[in-house]
Amino acid sequence: MKKSIVMYAGLAVSLMAGPVLAADAAAGKAKAAPCASCHGAEGISTSPAYPSIAGMDAAAFSAAMQEYKSGARPNPLMQSFTKNLSDADIENLAAYYASLPGASE
């Protein structure tokens, strides 16, 4: 039962994220410089105030960024960073961070 709930939740998130775009991790890396000031150069934060994003699921990353961009997830700092990102930029950043090893790996 729990697996079904997780599977359906993942499906819902992927459907909310919009159309599937061909993500380019290299392009995401090129856009990631502003993220490094809080989330670390390779997505591993050194501050407990900011989450590590290396190894984050691409769909979850994309959904969070879209929510920040739209204001559905209010955070003035993140909104200032996401307001000028295109959907392709967000997908590319998601691919880049998903490709990195997480902090515990």
N, C-alpha and C. Protein backbone atom coordinates (compact mmCIF):
# COMPACT_ATOMS: atom_id res chain seq x y z
N MET A 1 0.82 -1.19 0.00
CA MET A 1 0.00 0.00 0.00
C MET A 1 0.87 1.26 0.00
N LYS A 2 1.91 1.27 0.87
CA LYS A 2 2.77 2.43 0.96
C LYS A 2 3.50 2.69 -0.35
N LYS A 3 3.93 1.60 -1.05
CA LYS A 3 4.58 1.76 -2.34
C LYS A 3 3.66 2.42 -3.35
N SER A 4 2.38 2.05 -3.31
CA SER A 4 1.40 2.63 -4.23
C SER A 4 1.25 4.13 -4.00
N ILE A 5 1.20 4.52 -2.74
CA ILE A 5 1.07 5.93 -2.41
C ILE A 5 2.27 6.70 -2.91
N VAL A 6 3.46 6.18 -2.68
CA VAL A 6 4.68 6.84 -3.13
C VAL A 6 4.71 6.92 -4.65
N MET A 7 4.32 5.84 -5.32
CA MET A 7 4.31 5.83 -6.78
C MET A 7 3.34 6.87 -7.33
N TYR A 8 2.13 6.94 -6.77
CA TYR A 8 1.15 7.91 -7.24
C TYR A 8 1.56 9.34 -6.91
N ALA A 9 2.20 9.55 -5.78
CA ALA A 9 2.68 10.88 -5.44
C ALA A 9 3.76 11.32 -6.43
N GLY A 10 4.66 10.40 -6.76
CA GLY A 10 5.69 10.72 -7.75
C GLY A 10 5.11 11.03 -9.11
N LEU A 11 4.09 10.28 -9.50
CA LEU A 11 3.41 10.54 -10.77
C LEU A 11 2.76 11.90 -10.75
N ALA A 12 2.10 12.25 -9.65
CA ALA A 12 1.45 13.55 -9.55
C ALA A 12 2.45 14.68 -9.67
N VAL A 13 3.59 14.55 -8.99
CA VAL A 13 4.64 15.58 -9.07
C VAL A 13 5.14 15.72 -10.49
N SER A 14 5.36 14.60 -11.17
CA SER A 14 5.88 14.67 -12.54
C SER A 14 4.87 15.29 -13.48
N LEU A 15 3.59 15.05 -13.27
CA LEU A 15 2.56 15.65 -14.12
C LEU A 15 2.43 17.14 -13.86
N MET A 16 2.62 17.56 -12.61
CA MET A 16 2.54 18.97 -12.27
C MET A 16 3.74 19.74 -12.80
N ALA A 17 4.84 19.07 -13.03
CA ALA A 17 6.05 19.74 -13.47
C ALA A 17 5.96 20.23 -14.91
N GLY A 18 4.97 19.77 -15.65
CA GLY A 18 4.78 20.23 -17.01
C GLY A 18 5.38 19.28 -18.01
N PRO A 19 5.52 19.75 -19.25
CA PRO A 19 6.02 18.87 -20.30
C PRO A 19 7.46 18.44 -20.05
N VAL A 20 7.76 17.25 -20.49
CA VAL A 20 9.11 16.72 -20.32
C VAL A 20 10.03 17.39 -21.34
N LEU A 21 11.09 17.96 -20.85
CA LEU A 21 12.07 18.62 -21.71
C LEU A 21 13.35 17.80 -21.70
N ALA A 22 14.09 17.85 -22.78
CA ALA A 22 15.38 17.17 -22.82
C ALA A 22 16.35 17.99 -21.97
N ALA A 23 16.69 17.47 -20.82
CA ALA A 23 17.55 18.21 -19.90
C ALA A 23 19.02 18.03 -20.26
N ASP A 24 19.79 19.07 -20.01
CA ASP A 24 21.22 19.11 -20.33
C ASP A 24 21.98 19.47 -19.05
N ALA A 25 22.60 18.46 -18.43
CA ALA A 25 23.31 18.68 -17.18
C ALA A 25 24.46 19.68 -17.34
N ALA A 26 25.13 19.67 -18.49
CA ALA A 26 26.23 20.62 -18.71
C ALA A 26 25.70 22.06 -18.73
N ALA A 27 24.55 22.26 -19.36
CA ALA A 27 23.94 23.60 -19.37
C ALA A 27 23.50 23.98 -17.96
N GLY A 28 23.03 22.99 -17.19
CA GLY A 28 22.66 23.24 -15.80
C GLY A 28 23.85 23.66 -14.97
N LYS A 29 24.98 23.01 -15.18
CA LYS A 29 26.20 23.36 -14.45
C LYS A 29 26.59 24.81 -14.75
N ALA A 30 26.44 25.22 -16.00
CA ALA A 30 26.78 26.58 -16.40
C ALA A 30 25.88 27.62 -15.72
N LYS A 31 24.65 27.23 -15.37
CA LYS A 31 23.71 28.14 -14.72
C LYS A 31 23.78 28.07 -13.19
N ALA A 32 24.55 27.14 -12.64
CA ALA A 32 24.52 26.85 -11.21
C ALA A 32 25.36 27.79 -10.34
N ALA A 33 26.13 28.68 -10.92
CA ALA A 33 27.01 29.53 -10.11
C ALA A 33 26.29 30.29 -9.00
N PRO A 34 25.12 30.89 -9.26
CA PRO A 34 24.44 31.61 -8.17
C PRO A 34 24.00 30.69 -7.02
N CYS A 35 23.75 29.43 -7.32
CA CYS A 35 23.29 28.47 -6.30
C CYS A 35 24.40 28.16 -5.30
N ALA A 36 25.65 28.22 -5.77
CA ALA A 36 26.80 27.80 -4.96
C ALA A 36 26.98 28.65 -3.71
N SER A 37 26.57 29.90 -3.74
CA SER A 37 26.78 30.76 -2.58
C SER A 37 26.07 30.24 -1.33
N CYS A 38 24.96 29.55 -1.50
CA CYS A 38 24.23 28.99 -0.35
C CYS A 38 24.31 27.47 -0.30
N HIS A 39 24.23 26.82 -1.46
CA HIS A 39 24.12 25.36 -1.51
C HIS A 39 25.45 24.65 -1.76
N GLY A 40 26.54 25.40 -1.85
CA GLY A 40 27.87 24.82 -2.05
C GLY A 40 28.22 24.65 -3.51
N ALA A 41 29.51 24.64 -3.79
CA ALA A 41 30.00 24.58 -5.17
C ALA A 41 29.53 23.34 -5.92
N GLU A 42 29.42 22.23 -5.24
CA GLU A 42 28.95 20.98 -5.87
C GLU A 42 27.61 20.55 -5.29
N GLY A 43 26.84 21.52 -4.78
CA GLY A 43 25.53 21.23 -4.25
C GLY A 43 25.52 20.67 -2.84
N ILE A 44 26.68 20.67 -2.18
CA ILE A 44 26.79 20.19 -0.80
C ILE A 44 26.94 21.42 0.09
N SER A 45 25.91 21.73 0.83
CA SER A 45 25.91 22.91 1.68
C SER A 45 26.83 22.71 2.89
N THR A 46 27.49 23.79 3.27
CA THR A 46 28.32 23.75 4.48
C THR A 46 27.61 24.44 5.64
N SER A 47 26.40 24.91 5.40
CA SER A 47 25.64 25.60 6.43
C SER A 47 24.32 24.86 6.70
N PRO A 48 23.99 24.68 7.97
CA PRO A 48 22.71 24.03 8.26
C PRO A 48 21.50 24.87 7.84
N ALA A 49 21.73 26.14 7.53
CA ALA A 49 20.64 27.02 7.11
C ALA A 49 20.18 26.73 5.69
N TYR A 50 21.01 26.06 4.90
CA TYR A 50 20.68 25.80 3.49
C TYR A 50 20.81 24.31 3.21
N PRO A 51 19.84 23.74 2.51
CA PRO A 51 19.91 22.30 2.23
C PRO A 51 20.94 21.98 1.15
N SER A 52 21.49 20.80 1.24
CA SER A 52 22.32 20.28 0.15
C SER A 52 21.38 19.83 -0.95
N ILE A 53 21.74 20.10 -2.19
CA ILE A 53 20.87 19.74 -3.31
C ILE A 53 21.53 18.76 -4.27
N ALA A 54 22.77 18.40 -4.02
CA ALA A 54 23.45 17.40 -4.84
C ALA A 54 22.75 16.06 -4.68
N GLY A 55 22.52 15.38 -5.78
CA GLY A 55 21.87 14.08 -5.76
C GLY A 55 20.36 14.15 -5.59
N MET A 56 19.80 15.35 -5.57
CA MET A 56 18.36 15.51 -5.40
C MET A 56 17.62 14.98 -6.62
N ASP A 57 16.50 14.34 -6.40
CA ASP A 57 15.67 13.84 -7.49
C ASP A 57 15.32 15.00 -8.43
N ALA A 58 15.52 14.80 -9.73
CA ALA A 58 15.31 15.86 -10.70
C ALA A 58 13.87 16.36 -10.71
N ALA A 59 12.91 15.46 -10.63
CA ALA A 59 11.50 15.87 -10.64
C ALA A 59 11.16 16.70 -9.41
N ALA A 60 11.66 16.29 -8.25
CA ALA A 60 11.41 17.04 -7.02
C ALA A 60 12.08 18.42 -7.08
N PHE A 61 13.31 18.47 -7.59
CA PHE A 61 14.02 19.74 -7.74
C PHE A 61 13.24 20.68 -8.66
N SER A 62 12.83 20.16 -9.82
CA SER A 62 12.09 20.98 -10.79
C SER A 62 10.80 21.50 -10.20
N ALA A 63 10.07 20.63 -9.50
CA ALA A 63 8.79 21.04 -8.91
C ALA A 63 9.02 22.15 -7.87
N ALA A 64 10.05 22.00 -7.04
CA ALA A 64 10.34 23.01 -6.03
C ALA A 64 10.70 24.35 -6.68
N MET A 65 11.53 24.30 -7.72
CA MET A 65 11.94 25.54 -8.39
C MET A 65 10.74 26.24 -9.06
N GLN A 66 9.85 25.45 -9.66
CA GLN A 66 8.65 26.02 -10.28
C GLN A 66 7.76 26.66 -9.21
N GLU A 67 7.68 26.03 -8.04
CA GLU A 67 6.87 26.59 -6.95
C GLU A 67 7.49 27.88 -6.42
N TYR A 68 8.80 27.94 -6.31
CA TYR A 68 9.45 29.19 -5.90
C TYR A 68 9.19 30.27 -6.94
N LYS A 69 9.37 29.91 -8.20
CA LYS A 69 9.21 30.88 -9.30
C LYS A 69 7.80 31.46 -9.33
N SER A 70 6.79 30.61 -9.14
CA SER A 70 5.40 31.07 -9.21
C SER A 70 4.94 31.77 -7.94
N GLY A 71 5.67 31.58 -6.85
CA GLY A 71 5.26 32.15 -5.58
C GLY A 71 4.42 31.19 -4.75
N ALA A 72 4.12 30.01 -5.30
CA ALA A 72 3.34 29.02 -4.55
C ALA A 72 4.11 28.54 -3.32
N ARG A 73 5.41 28.62 -3.39
CA ARG A 73 6.28 28.26 -2.26
C ARG A 73 7.03 29.55 -1.91
N PRO A 74 6.48 30.34 -1.00
CA PRO A 74 7.06 31.67 -0.75
C PRO A 74 8.42 31.63 -0.07
N ASN A 75 9.37 32.26 -0.71
CA ASN A 75 10.71 32.43 -0.17
C ASN A 75 11.34 33.54 -1.00
N PRO A 76 11.41 34.76 -0.48
CA PRO A 76 11.91 35.89 -1.27
C PRO A 76 13.28 35.66 -1.89
N LEU A 77 14.18 35.01 -1.17
CA LEU A 77 15.52 34.77 -1.71
C LEU A 77 15.45 33.84 -2.92
N MET A 78 14.75 32.73 -2.78
CA MET A 78 14.64 31.77 -3.88
C MET A 78 13.83 32.35 -5.04
N GLN A 79 12.83 33.15 -4.74
CA GLN A 79 12.06 33.78 -5.81
C GLN A 79 12.94 34.72 -6.63
N SER A 80 13.85 35.42 -5.98
CA SER A 80 14.73 36.33 -6.72
C SER A 80 15.67 35.55 -7.65
N PHE A 81 16.07 34.34 -7.24
CA PHE A 81 16.95 33.53 -8.08
C PHE A 81 16.19 32.83 -9.21
N THR A 82 14.94 32.47 -8.97
CA THR A 82 14.21 31.68 -9.97
C THR A 82 13.39 32.51 -10.94
N LYS A 83 13.14 33.77 -10.64
CA LYS A 83 12.21 34.56 -11.46
C LYS A 83 12.63 34.66 -12.92
N ASN A 84 13.91 34.65 -13.21
CA ASN A 84 14.37 34.78 -14.60
C ASN A 84 14.80 33.46 -15.23
N LEU A 85 14.55 32.34 -14.53
CA LEU A 85 14.90 31.05 -15.10
C LEU A 85 13.78 30.56 -16.01
N SER A 86 14.15 30.07 -17.18
CA SER A 86 13.18 29.45 -18.07
C SER A 86 12.89 28.03 -17.59
N ASP A 87 11.85 27.41 -18.14
CA ASP A 87 11.58 26.01 -17.80
C ASP A 87 12.77 25.14 -18.18
N ALA A 88 13.40 25.43 -19.31
CA ALA A 88 14.58 24.66 -19.74
C ALA A 88 15.72 24.85 -18.75
N ASP A 89 15.93 26.08 -18.25
CA ASP A 89 16.97 26.32 -17.26
C ASP A 89 16.74 25.47 -16.01
N ILE A 90 15.50 25.43 -15.56
CA ILE A 90 15.16 24.65 -14.36
C ILE A 90 15.40 23.17 -14.59
N GLU A 91 14.98 22.66 -15.74
CA GLU A 91 15.20 21.25 -16.05
C GLU A 91 16.69 20.93 -16.14
N ASN A 92 17.46 21.84 -16.72
CA ASN A 92 18.91 21.63 -16.83
C ASN A 92 19.58 21.65 -15.46
N LEU A 93 19.17 22.58 -14.60
CA LEU A 93 19.71 22.60 -13.24
C LEU A 93 19.34 21.31 -12.50
N ALA A 94 18.11 20.86 -12.70
CA ALA A 94 17.66 19.62 -12.05
C ALA A 94 18.52 18.44 -12.51
N ALA A 95 18.80 18.37 -13.81
CA ALA A 95 19.62 17.29 -14.34
C ALA A 95 21.04 17.37 -13.77
N TYR A 96 21.57 18.57 -13.67
CA TYR A 96 22.92 18.74 -13.13
C TYR A 96 22.99 18.28 -11.68
N TYR A 97 22.10 18.79 -10.84
CA TYR A 97 22.17 18.43 -9.42
C TYR A 97 21.83 16.96 -9.19
N ALA A 98 20.95 16.39 -9.99
CA ALA A 98 20.63 14.96 -9.87
C ALA A 98 21.84 14.10 -10.24
N SER A 99 22.70 14.62 -11.11
CA SER A 99 23.87 13.84 -11.55
C SER A 99 25.01 13.82 -10.52
N LEU A 100 24.94 14.70 -9.53
CA LEU A 100 26.01 14.80 -8.54
C LEU A 100 25.80 13.82 -7.39
N PRO A 101 26.88 13.31 -6.82
CA PRO A 101 26.72 12.47 -5.63
C PRO A 101 26.24 13.30 -4.47
N GLY A 102 25.34 12.74 -3.69
CA GLY A 102 24.81 13.44 -2.51
C GLY A 102 25.84 13.47 -1.39
N ALA A 103 25.53 14.19 -0.36
CA ALA A 103 26.45 14.38 0.76
C ALA A 103 26.80 13.06 1.46
N SER A 104 25.87 12.12 1.48
CA SER A 104 26.12 10.86 2.20
C SER A 104 26.70 9.77 1.32
N GLU A 105 26.90 10.06 0.05
CA GLU A 105 27.41 9.04 -0.87
C GLU A 105 28.92 8.95 -0.85
